[in-house]
Every structure is written in structure tokens, then in C-alpha cells.
Amino acid sequence: MGKNTNRVAVIYFPGRVDLKKVRRLVSAATAGGGWEIPLYLKTAADETGGVQALRAIAQKASHIIVIGGDGTVRECLEALTKTEDYDTRRVTVGIVPAGTGNVLARNLNIELGNLQRAAHRAVNGNEFAIDVGRARLHFANGNSDERFFTGMAGVGLDAKIMMATDLE
């Protein structure tokens, strides 16, 4: 990653947050901390966080803030776990919960519903390691896949329930 940088990359789900408000809150949270101008990388239907996380580290981000739900957080952490370019000693991740379940955020005692506090904590909170699990999937057709997860993993009914859950 080169010399030490002090750059925040914000990965966000555009349908859930007001970008102007997020920019204001991240600016307030990074003020006086020697941070470079933050990067803002929005997710899309075909790029749900992982690609953005890799772009962030390619652009010398030292801290990634994920604003979204468990799916966006999982995609980002999975991409970082899989890449050899990710150095866990030099790149940290903060979470601002903005999803349906926010299971990982709840498990980490991140306050839900207060974007200002969550953004401040995502930048300035205590740093600690969390476990990342790995699931190997083997399909009837002979194909296989490998996924990484935090908080919980599930296939089948729980995924269908979350897909059918009203955002409100």
C-alpha cells in the first residue's frame, strides 16, 4: 500500500442514505484528525460493495466506512478477506448501519438510527479484530463456491425472508 496514508473511503448504499448528510457527518468526524479528502464509492445492483472495497484500497484508503446493511458489509469484508492486497494491520473498517437487519452492527453494539453517532464511531471508535467465517458451498450440479461472512450465515428460507422484507 505504499507509505502510510490517512484516507477514509466511504462505501454507501445510495437508496438508504442522504449523501449530502453523509459527507457533512464524515467531514465532522474526520476534522482535525489529519485525514485526506475522503473517497465516496456508491454501490449498485451489480456492484454491491466488494468492488468498491478493492477500489478503496487501490486508491490508498487506510480506513473504510461501510454505510449499508449486512449484505453490503459482508460483500466488503469478503472482498478484503480474499485479496492479497489487503493488509489488516494498515486498513481498518467502520460500519454505519443502514440496512434491514443490521445483525453485525447490533452484535458490535453500534447504535441504530443515529447516523451522526454511528459516523463518528465509524471513524473514531475503538479498533478491534472480529472473526470472519468461511462457508464452502457444494451444489448438486457439481459446482462449488466459497463465501466469507460475519455475524451469521444462512441459505434458503432466511434469505427469502430478507428479500421479501419491507424496508420500513
Protein backbone atom coordinates (compact mmCIF):
# COMPACT_ATOMS: atom_id res chain seq x y z
CA MET A 1 0.00 0.00 0.00
CA GLY A 2 2.96 2.35 -0.03
CA LYS A 3 3.65 4.92 2.67
CA ASN A 4 1.20 5.43 5.49
CA THR A 5 -1.86 7.32 4.36
CA ASN A 6 -4.70 8.67 6.41
CA ARG A 7 -7.58 8.41 3.98
CA VAL A 8 -11.17 7.39 4.52
CA ALA A 9 -13.18 5.67 1.82
CA VAL A 10 -16.94 5.68 2.32
CA ILE A 11 -18.84 2.85 0.66
CA TYR A 12 -22.55 3.53 0.74
CA PHE A 13 -25.85 2.15 -0.44
CA PRO A 14 -27.40 5.14 -2.25
CA GLY A 15 -31.02 4.16 -1.65
CA ARG A 16 -30.63 4.29 2.12
CA VAL A 17 -28.64 7.44 2.88
CA ASP A 18 -28.60 11.12 2.03
CA LEU A 19 -25.15 11.64 0.52
CA LYS A 20 -25.04 15.34 1.45
CA LYS A 21 -25.69 14.46 5.08
CA VAL A 22 -23.13 11.65 4.98
CA ARG A 23 -20.48 13.98 3.55
CA ARG A 24 -21.19 16.51 6.30
CA LEU A 25 -21.02 13.89 9.05
CA VAL A 26 -17.82 12.28 7.72
CA SER A 27 -16.22 15.73 7.40
CA ALA A 28 -17.13 16.47 11.02
CA ALA A 29 -15.83 13.09 12.21
CA THR A 30 -12.51 13.45 10.40
CA ALA A 31 -11.96 17.14 11.20
CA GLY A 32 -8.64 17.79 12.89
CA GLY A 33 -7.50 14.20 12.54
CA GLY A 34 -5.09 14.72 9.66
CA TRP A 35 -7.33 12.90 7.20
CA GLU A 36 -7.02 13.39 3.45
CA ILE A 37 -10.12 14.17 1.38
CA PRO A 38 -12.45 11.14 1.67
CA LEU A 39 -13.41 8.92 -1.24
CA TYR A 40 -17.12 8.20 -1.79
CA LEU A 41 -17.95 4.97 -3.58
CA LYS A 42 -21.60 4.06 -4.11
CA THR A 43 -22.84 0.54 -4.54
CA ALA A 44 -25.03 -0.62 -7.42
CA ALA A 45 -27.13 -3.66 -8.26
CA ASP A 46 -24.15 -5.32 -9.96
CA GLU A 47 -21.50 -3.96 -7.56
CA THR A 48 -22.73 -4.44 -4.01
CA GLY A 49 -19.65 -3.44 -2.02
CA GLY A 50 -16.79 -5.80 -2.79
CA VAL A 51 -15.60 -3.98 -5.90
CA GLN A 52 -15.78 -0.68 -4.04
CA ALA A 53 -13.67 -2.05 -1.17
CA LEU A 54 -10.99 -3.14 -3.62
CA ARG A 55 -11.11 0.27 -5.33
CA ALA A 56 -10.72 1.93 -1.95
CA ILE A 57 -7.53 0.07 -1.07
CA ALA A 58 -6.20 0.59 -4.62
CA GLN A 59 -6.68 4.32 -4.00
CA LYS A 60 -4.67 4.14 -0.77
CA ALA A 61 -7.53 4.24 1.72
CA SER A 62 -6.38 3.38 5.23
CA HIS A 63 -9.89 3.24 6.67
CA ILE A 64 -13.11 2.10 5.01
CA ILE A 65 -16.53 3.11 6.28
CA VAL A 66 -19.35 0.88 5.08
CA ILE A 67 -22.77 2.53 5.18
CA GLY A 68 -25.36 -0.12 4.46
CA GLY A 69 -26.78 -3.33 5.73
CA ASP A 70 -25.39 -6.78 6.44
CA GLY A 71 -25.18 -7.61 2.73
CA THR A 72 -23.07 -4.58 1.89
CA VAL A 73 -20.83 -5.13 4.93
CA ARG A 74 -20.44 -8.82 4.06
CA GLU A 75 -19.54 -8.04 0.44
CA CYS A 76 -16.88 -5.53 1.52
CA LEU A 77 -15.34 -7.77 4.16
CA GLU A 78 -15.39 -10.79 1.85
CA ALA A 79 -13.53 -8.87 -0.87
CA LEU A 80 -10.97 -7.63 1.65
CA THR A 81 -10.55 -11.13 3.09
CA LYS A 82 -9.97 -12.67 -0.34
CA THR A 83 -7.47 -10.15 -1.70
CA GLU A 84 -3.78 -10.33 -1.00
CA ASP A 85 -3.56 -6.53 -1.32
CA TYR A 86 -5.46 -6.07 1.94
CA ASP A 87 -3.25 -5.60 4.99
CA THR A 88 -5.33 -5.88 8.15
CA ARG A 89 -2.63 -4.02 10.05
CA ARG A 90 -2.98 -0.92 7.88
CA VAL A 91 -6.61 -0.90 6.68
CA THR A 92 -9.48 -0.76 9.14
CA VAL A 93 -13.25 -0.87 8.61
CA GLY A 94 -16.01 1.08 10.34
CA ILE A 95 -19.72 0.35 10.00
CA VAL A 96 -22.67 2.74 9.83
CA PRO A 97 -25.81 0.57 9.92
CA ALA A 98 -28.34 1.47 7.22
CA GLY A 99 -29.91 -1.86 6.35
CA THR A 100 -32.87 -4.02 7.25
CA GLY A 101 -31.44 -6.31 9.93
CA ASN A 102 -28.01 -4.86 10.74
CA VAL A 103 -27.09 -8.03 12.63
CA LEU A 104 -23.35 -7.37 12.74
CA ALA A 105 -23.87 -3.76 13.84
CA ARG A 106 -26.18 -4.96 16.62
CA ASN A 107 -23.62 -7.58 17.69
CA LEU A 108 -20.97 -4.83 17.84
CA ASN A 109 -23.32 -2.56 19.85
CA ILE A 110 -23.36 0.11 17.16
CA GLU A 111 -26.29 2.39 17.79
CA LEU A 112 -29.02 2.11 15.17
CA GLY A 113 -30.98 5.11 13.98
CA ASN A 114 -28.42 7.77 14.87
CA LEU A 115 -26.38 8.45 11.76
CA GLN A 116 -24.29 11.15 13.43
CA ARG A 117 -23.12 8.95 16.31
CA ALA A 118 -22.59 5.95 14.04
CA ALA A 119 -20.48 8.02 11.60
CA HIS A 120 -18.39 9.43 14.45
CA ARG A 121 -17.84 5.94 15.88
CA ALA A 122 -17.06 4.52 12.43
CA VAL A 123 -14.17 6.99 12.15
CA ASN A 124 -13.05 7.41 15.76
CA GLY A 125 -14.22 4.29 17.56
CA ASN A 126 -12.09 1.65 19.23
CA GLU A 127 -10.27 -0.72 16.91
CA PHE A 128 -10.59 -4.47 17.47
CA ALA A 129 -10.47 -7.65 15.41
CA ILE A 130 -13.57 -9.68 14.58
CA ASP A 131 -13.91 -13.21 13.28
CA VAL A 132 -14.65 -13.88 9.63
CA GLY A 133 -16.19 -17.25 8.87
CA ARG A 134 -15.86 -19.23 5.66
CA ALA A 135 -18.54 -21.40 4.10
CA ARG A 136 -17.83 -23.81 1.28
CA LEU A 137 -20.88 -24.49 -0.83
CA HIS A 138 -21.21 -27.62 -2.96
CA PHE A 139 -24.09 -27.73 -5.42
CA ALA A 140 -25.91 -30.71 -6.90
CA ASN A 141 -24.61 -29.84 -10.38
CA GLY A 142 -21.01 -30.29 -9.18
CA ASN A 143 -20.17 -26.59 -8.90
CA SER A 144 -18.84 -25.16 -5.70
CA ASP A 145 -18.32 -21.71 -4.22
CA GLU A 146 -16.70 -20.18 -1.17
CA ARG A 147 -18.18 -17.30 0.82
CA PHE A 148 -16.94 -15.34 3.80
CA PHE A 149 -19.26 -13.91 6.43
CA THR A 150 -19.51 -12.15 9.76
CA GLY A 151 -22.32 -12.21 12.28
CA MET A 152 -24.25 -15.08 10.75
CA ALA A 153 -24.64 -17.14 7.61
CA GLY A 154 -27.70 -18.67 6.09
CA VAL A 155 -29.07 -20.08 2.89
CA GLY A 156 -32.58 -20.82 1.82
CA LEU A 157 -35.53 -19.65 3.89
CA ASP A 158 -33.77 -16.86 5.80
CA ALA A 159 -32.52 -15.36 2.51
CA LYS A 160 -36.03 -15.49 1.03
CA ILE A 161 -37.44 -13.80 4.15
CA MET A 162 -34.93 -10.95 3.96
CA MET A 163 -35.59 -10.49 0.23
CA ALA A 164 -39.32 -10.16 0.96
CA THR A 165 -38.94 -7.88 3.98
CA ASP A 166 -40.40 -4.40 3.70
CA LEU A 167 -37.64 -1.81 4.13
CA GLU A 168 -39.77 0.13 6.61
